[in-house]
C-alpha atoms as a PDB file:
ATOM      1  CA  MET A   1     -28.685  21.981   8.548  1.00  0.00           C
ATOM      2  CA  THR A   2     -29.280  18.313   8.417  1.00  0.00           C
ATOM      3  CA  LEU A   3     -27.284  15.506   9.785  1.00  0.00           C
ATOM      4  CA  ASP A   4     -26.531  14.217   6.062  1.00  0.00           C
ATOM      5  CA  PHE A   5     -25.215  17.581   5.147  1.00  0.00           C
ATOM      6  CA  PHE A   6     -23.002  17.951   8.379  1.00  0.00           C
ATOM      7  CA  THR A   7     -21.774  14.179   7.555  1.00  0.00           C
ATOM      8  CA  GLU A   8     -20.624  15.360   3.997  1.00  0.00           C
ATOM      9  CA  ILE A   9     -18.926  18.689   5.774  1.00  0.00           C
ATOM     10  CA  LEU A  10     -17.082  16.453   7.945  1.00  0.00           C
ATOM     11  CA  GLY A  11     -15.907  14.107   4.832  1.00  0.00           C
ATOM     12  CA  TRP A  12     -14.599  16.721   2.852  1.00  0.00           C
ATOM     13  CA  THR A  13     -12.750  18.086   5.986  1.00  0.00           C
ATOM     14  CA  SER A  14     -11.531  14.633   6.620  1.00  0.00           C
ATOM     15  CA  VAL A  15      -9.635  15.008   2.668  1.00  0.00           C
ATOM     16  CA  ALA A  16      -8.483  18.315   3.922  1.00  0.00           C
ATOM     17  CA  PHE A  17      -6.788  16.707   6.916  1.00  0.00           C
ATOM     18  CA  TYR A  18      -5.117  13.827   4.939  1.00  0.00           C
ATOM     19  CA  ILE A  19      -3.652  16.406   2.453  1.00  0.00           C
ATOM     20  CA  GLY A  20      -2.235  18.140   5.542  1.00  0.00           C
ATOM     21  CA  ILE A  21      -0.948  14.901   7.100  1.00  0.00           C
ATOM     22  CA  THR A  22       0.952  13.655   3.832  1.00  0.00           C
ATOM     23  CA  ILE A  23       2.421  16.998   2.560  1.00  0.00           C
ATOM     24  CA  PHE A  24       4.350  18.074   5.841  1.00  0.00           C
ATOM     25  CA  ASN A  25       7.902  17.112   6.267  1.00  0.00           C
ATOM     26  CA  THR A  26       8.601  16.877   9.896  1.00  0.00           C
ATOM     27  CA  MET A  27       6.920  14.514  12.489  1.00  0.00           C
ATOM     28  CA  LYS A  28       6.051  17.394  14.856  1.00  0.00           C
ATOM     29  CA  PHE A  29       3.402  19.174  12.162  1.00  0.00           C
ATOM     30  CA  THR A  30       2.505  15.597  10.940  1.00  0.00           C
ATOM     31  CA  ARG A  31       1.577  14.701  14.394  1.00  0.00           C
ATOM     32  CA  PHE A  32      -0.395  18.168  14.914  1.00  0.00           C
ATOM     33  CA  ALA A  33      -2.589  17.593  11.685  1.00  0.00           C
ATOM     34  CA  ALA A  34      -3.273  13.895  12.699  1.00  0.00           C
ATOM     35  CA  PHE A  35      -4.513  15.206  15.873  1.00  0.00           C
ATOM     36  CA  GLY A  36      -7.177  17.558  14.221  1.00  0.00           C
ATOM     37  CA  SER A  37      -7.839  14.708  11.830  1.00  0.00           C
ATOM     38  CA  ALA A  38      -8.501  12.064  14.361  1.00  0.00           C
ATOM     39  CA  ALA A  39     -10.997  14.229  16.270  1.00  0.00           C
ATOM     40  CA  ASN A  40     -12.753  15.034  12.696  1.00  0.00           C
ATOM     41  CA  ASP A  41     -12.949  11.459  11.322  1.00  0.00           C
ATOM     42  CA  THR A  42     -13.908   9.873  15.051  1.00  0.00           C
ATOM     43  CA  LEU A  43     -17.103  11.987  14.729  1.00  0.00           C
ATOM     44  CA  TRP A  44     -17.766  11.387  10.845  1.00  0.00           C
ATOM     45  CA  ALA A  45     -16.880   7.623  11.315  1.00  0.00           C
ATOM     46  CA  PHE A  46     -19.360   7.395  14.282  1.00  0.00           C
ATOM     47  CA  LEU A  47     -22.120   9.109  11.690  1.00  0.00           C
ATOM     48  CA  MET A  48     -21.220   6.786   9.063  1.00  0.00           C
ATOM     49  CA  GLY A  49     -21.485   3.591  11.221  1.00  0.00           C
ATOM     50  CA  TRP A  50     -17.665   2.771  10.385  1.00  0.00           C
ATOM     51  CA  TRP A  51     -16.791   1.129  13.791  1.00  0.00           C
ATOM     52  CA  PRO A  52     -13.161   0.014  13.027  1.00  0.00           C
ATOM     53  CA  LYS A  53     -12.578   3.810  11.577  1.00  0.00           C
ATOM     54  CA  VAL A  54     -13.894   5.092  15.002  1.00  0.00           C
ATOM     55  CA  ILE A  55     -11.248   2.475  16.761  1.00  0.00           C
ATOM     56  CA  LEU A  56      -8.548   3.842  14.243  1.00  0.00           C
ATOM     57  CA  ASN A  57      -9.088   7.411  15.021  1.00  0.00           C
ATOM     58  CA  LEU A  58      -9.076   6.992  18.877  1.00  0.00           C
ATOM     59  CA  SER A  59      -6.024   4.827  18.747  1.00  0.00           C
ATOM     60  CA  VAL A  60      -4.300   7.275  16.226  1.00  0.00           C
ATOM     61  CA  ALA A  61      -5.309  10.098  18.818  1.00  0.00           C
ATOM     62  CA  SER A  62      -3.804   8.053  21.873  1.00  0.00           C
ATOM     63  CA  LEU A  63      -0.553   6.940  19.898  1.00  0.00           C
ATOM     64  CA  ASN A  64       0.023  10.461  18.598  1.00  0.00           C
ATOM     65  CA  THR A  65      -0.413  11.901  22.176  1.00  0.00           C
ATOM     66  CA  TYR A  66       2.039   9.589  23.473  1.00  0.00           C
ATOM     67  CA  ARG A  67       4.738   9.674  20.856  1.00  0.00           C
ATOM     68  CA  TYR A  68       4.127  13.580  21.141  1.00  0.00           C
ATOM     69  CA  ALA A  69       4.766  13.494  24.844  1.00  0.00           C
ATOM     70  CA  LYS A  70       7.338  11.000  24.091  1.00  0.00           C
ATOM     71  CA  ASP A  71       9.419  12.992  21.308  1.00  0.00           C
ATOM     72  CA  PHE A  72       8.713  16.556  21.748  1.00  0.00           C
ATOM     73  CA  THR A  73       8.310  17.179  25.668  1.00  0.00           C
ATOM     74  CA  ASN A  74      10.322  16.812  29.234  1.00  0.00           C
ATOM     75  CA  ALA A  75       8.123  14.992  30.699  1.00  0.00           C
ATOM     76  CA  SER A  76       9.115  12.323  33.051  1.00  0.00           C
ATOM     77  CA  LYS A  77       9.519   8.355  31.702  1.00  0.00           C
ATOM     78  CA  ALA A  78       7.267   7.410  34.512  1.00  0.00           C
ATOM     79  CA  VAL A  79       4.328   9.971  33.388  1.00  0.00           C
ATOM     80  CA  ILE A  80       5.143   9.075  29.539  1.00  0.00           C
ATOM     81  CA  LEU A  81       4.892   5.593  30.418  1.00  0.00           C
ATOM     82  CA  GLY A  82       1.834   5.788  32.617  1.00  0.00           C
ATOM     83  CA  LEU A  83      -0.139   7.702  29.936  1.00  0.00           C
ATOM     84  CA  GLY A  84       0.964   4.931  27.182  1.00  0.00           C
ATOM     85  CA  GLY A  85      -0.274   2.268  29.869  1.00  0.00           C
ATOM     86  CA  VAL A  86      -3.625   3.944  30.032  1.00  0.00           C
ATOM     87  CA  MET A  87      -4.119   4.690  26.528  1.00  0.00           C
ATOM     88  CA  ALA A  88      -3.034   1.182  25.659  1.00  0.00           C
ATOM     89  CA  ALA A  89      -5.605  -0.295  28.220  1.00  0.00           C
ATOM     90  CA  GLY A  90      -8.429   2.279  26.604  1.00  0.00           C
ATOM     91  CA  ILE A  91      -7.563   1.031  22.947  1.00  0.00           C
ATOM     92  CA  MET A  92      -7.562  -2.746  24.181  1.00  0.00           C
ATOM     93  CA  TYR A  93     -10.726  -2.291  25.496  1.00  0.00           C
ATOM     94  CA  ILE A  94     -11.977  -0.966  22.008  1.00  0.00           C
ATOM     95  CA  VAL A  95     -10.228  -3.463  20.057  1.00  0.00           C
ATOM     96  CA  TYR A  96     -12.058  -6.552  22.297  1.00  0.00           C
ATOM     97  CA  VAL A  97     -15.373  -4.681  21.716  1.00  0.00           C
ATOM     98  CA  ALA A  98     -14.921  -4.206  17.913  1.00  0.00           C
ATOM     99  CA  VAL A  99     -13.605  -7.767  17.378  1.00  0.00           C
ATOM    100  CA  SER A 100     -16.242  -9.066  18.871  1.00  0.00           C
ATOM    101  CA  ALA A 101     -18.734  -7.429  17.153  1.00  0.00           C
ATOM    102  CA  PHE A 102     -17.039  -8.446  14.084  1.00  0.00           C
ATOM    103  CA  ILE A 103     -16.877 -11.917  14.506  1.00  0.00           C
ATOM    104  CA  ALA A 104     -20.637 -11.817  15.250  1.00  0.00           C
ATOM    105  CA  GLU A 105     -21.068 -10.384  11.585  1.00  0.00           C
ATOM    106  CA  PRO A 106     -18.155 -10.478   9.716  1.00  0.00           C
ATOM    107  CA  THR A 107     -17.670  -8.732   6.400  1.00  0.00           C
ATOM    108  CA  LEU A 108     -14.702  -8.734   4.092  1.00  0.00           C
ATOM    109  CA  SER A 109     -15.242  -4.696   4.356  1.00  0.00           C
ATOM    110  CA  VAL A 110     -15.016  -4.684   7.812  1.00  0.00           C
ATOM    111  CA  ALA A 111     -11.990  -6.807   7.820  1.00  0.00           C
ATOM    112  CA  LEU A 112     -10.057  -4.855   5.472  1.00  0.00           C
ATOM    113  CA  GLN A 113     -10.777  -1.941   7.786  1.00  0.00           C
ATOM    114  CA  PHE A 114      -9.358  -3.685  10.572  1.00  0.00           C
ATOM    115  CA  ALA A 115      -6.142  -4.614   8.297  1.00  0.00           C
ATOM    116  CA  ASP A 116      -6.258  -0.573   7.477  1.00  0.00           C
ATOM    117  CA  LEU A 117      -6.132   0.016  11.088  1.00  0.00           C
ATOM    118  CA  GLY A 118      -2.976  -2.160  12.137  1.00  0.00           C
ATOM    119  CA  VAL A 119      -1.031  -0.551   9.063  1.00  0.00           C
ATOM    120  CA  ILE A 120      -2.027   3.108  10.090  1.00  0.00           C
ATOM    121  CA  LEU A 121      -1.135   2.265  13.948  1.00  0.00           C
ATOM    122  CA  LEU A 122       2.346   1.143  12.866  1.00  0.00           C
ATOM    123  CA  ALA A 123       3.219   3.874  10.509  1.00  0.00           C
ATOM    124  CA  LEU A 124       2.164   6.397  13.272  1.00  0.00           C
ATOM    125  CA  TYR A 125       4.757   4.581  15.485  1.00  0.00           C
ATOM    126  CA  MET A 126       7.606   5.307  13.037  1.00  0.00           C
ATOM    127  CA  THR A 127      10.014   7.960  14.000  1.00  0.00           C
ATOM    128  CA  THR A 128      11.345   8.170  10.674  1.00  0.00           C
ATOM    129  CA  LEU A 129       9.361   9.880   7.593  1.00  0.00           C
ATOM    130  CA  THR A 130      10.571   7.414   5.377  1.00  0.00           C
ATOM    131  CA  ASN A 131       8.989   4.240   7.167  1.00  0.00           C
ATOM    132  CA  TYR A 132       5.866   6.121   7.739  1.00  0.00           C
ATOM    133  CA  ARG A 133       5.367   7.088   4.432  1.00  0.00           C
ATOM    134  CA  LYS A 134       5.964   3.314   3.375  1.00  0.00           C
ATOM    135  CA  LEU A 135       3.310   2.150   5.427  1.00  0.00           C
ATOM    136  CA  MET A 136       0.917   4.891   4.315  1.00  0.00           C
ATOM    137  CA  LEU A 137       1.660   3.858   1.022  1.00  0.00           C
ATOM    138  CA  LEU A 138       0.526   0.563   1.705  1.00  0.00           C
ATOM    139  CA  SER A 139      -2.679   1.749   3.815  1.00  0.00           C
ATOM    140  CA  GLY A 140      -3.764   3.733   0.715  1.00  0.00           C
ATOM    141  CA  PHE A 141      -4.325   0.155  -1.186  1.00  0.00           C
ATOM    142  CA  VAL A 142      -5.908  -1.544   1.807  1.00  0.00           C
ATOM    143  CA  GLY A 143      -7.973   1.378   2.503  1.00  0.00           C
ATOM    144  CA  MET A 144      -8.910   1.568  -1.030  1.00  0.00           C
ATOM    145  CA  ALA A 145     -10.475  -1.863  -1.017  1.00  0.00           C
ATOM    146  CA  ALA A 146     -11.756  -1.412   2.412  1.00  0.00           C
ATOM    147  CA  TYR A 147     -13.888   1.707   1.841  1.00  0.00           C
ATOM    148  CA  TYR A 148     -14.795   1.003  -1.916  1.00  0.00           C
ATOM    149  CA  GLY A 149     -17.822   2.921  -2.434  1.00  0.00           C
ATOM    150  CA  ASN A 150     -17.612   6.075  -0.372  1.00  0.00           C
ATOM    151  CA  THR A 151     -16.356   9.008  -2.715  1.00  0.00           C
ATOM    152  CA  GLN A 152     -14.680  10.827  -0.140  1.00  0.00           C
ATOM    153  CA  MET A 153     -12.653   7.973   1.456  1.00  0.00           C
ATOM    154  CA  MET A 154     -11.674   6.707  -1.978  1.00  0.00           C
ATOM    155  CA  ILE A 155     -10.458  10.317  -2.730  1.00  0.00           C
ATOM    156  CA  ILE A 156      -8.580   9.985   0.825  1.00  0.00           C
ATOM    157  CA  LYS A 157      -6.989   6.953  -0.182  1.00  0.00           C
ATOM    158  CA  VAL A 158      -5.944   7.904  -3.668  1.00  0.00           C
ATOM    159  CA  LEU A 159      -4.474  10.915  -2.625  1.00  0.00           C
ATOM    160  CA  VAL A 160      -2.542   9.014   0.314  1.00  0.00           C
ATOM    161  CA  ILE A 161      -1.027   6.774  -2.500  1.00  0.00           C
ATOM    162  CA  GLY A 162      -0.243   9.547  -5.019  1.00  0.00           C
ATOM    163  CA  ILE A 163       1.207  12.128  -2.389  1.00  0.00           C
ATOM    164  CA  MET A 164       3.257   8.928  -0.602  1.00  0.00           C
ATOM    165  CA  SER A 165       4.619   7.474  -3.984  1.00  0.00           C
ATOM    166  CA  TYR A 166       5.613  10.837  -5.101  1.00  0.00           C
ATOM    167  CA  LYS A 167       7.493  11.572  -1.328  1.00  0.00           C
ATOM    168  CA  LEU A 168       9.225   8.104  -1.503  1.00  0.00           C
ATOM    169  CA  LEU A 169      10.387   8.482  -5.087  1.00  0.00           C
ATOM    170  CA  PHE A 170      11.328  12.334  -5.316  1.00  0.00           C
ATOM    171  CA  ASP A 171      11.434  13.955  -1.999  1.00  0.00           C
ATOM    172  CA  LYS A 172      14.787  14.956  -1.169  1.00  0.00           C
ATOM    173  CA  SER A 173      13.850  16.009   2.530  1.00  0.00           C
ATOM    174  CA  GLN A 174      14.211  12.143   3.375  1.00  0.00           C
ATOM    175  CA  LYS A 175      17.759  12.116   2.048  1.00  0.00           C
ATOM    176  CA  THR A 176      18.223  14.979   4.447  1.00  0.00           C
ATOM    177  CA  GLU A 177      16.790  12.997   7.333  1.00  0.00           C
ATOM    178  CA  ALA A 178      18.601  10.505   6.607  1.00  0.00           C
ATOM    179  CA  ALA A 179      22.126  12.537   6.696  1.00  0.00           C
ATOM    180  CA  GLU A 180      20.701  14.222   9.868  1.00  0.00           C
ATOM    181  CA  VAL A 181      20.093  10.665  11.730  1.00  0.00           C
ATOM    182  CA  ALA A 182      23.596   9.520  10.731  1.00  0.00           C
END
């Protein structure tokens, strides 16, 4: 198996994970799919040389771990805050290194990849599916421009735009979620 073939497999696996992330109707299942997606995409982005996407997926994995511990476990507040602090420090270091590299050689594509990073991280911090879906819809458009030319990323972003548009406009589970919160 060649490295190019392995990279191609990781790209199509990424497409499958993104479909999973966008179709789940509970945050718990969305977070599980995001764990698998982050692991797959970290390796894929590393092999493709997309450093902002590597940072994105390491950040996504950290944020999902923190939010999962906070939302779905009985871990003490001190443990959750400690976990969050360690992950935040690691993410800040990675961001510093990546931004320094970007400043040394800036491109529009990489700038848009960083913008996509910010939108997705903000989306994953949301505790309601409606807000998550709105931000992921925005990420679809930003990411479409950021990864223009890569077939798999373009497919992923088109799927995200289509599924999020459908879920925001026609999905009845959002109304059920709003009623449960009230």
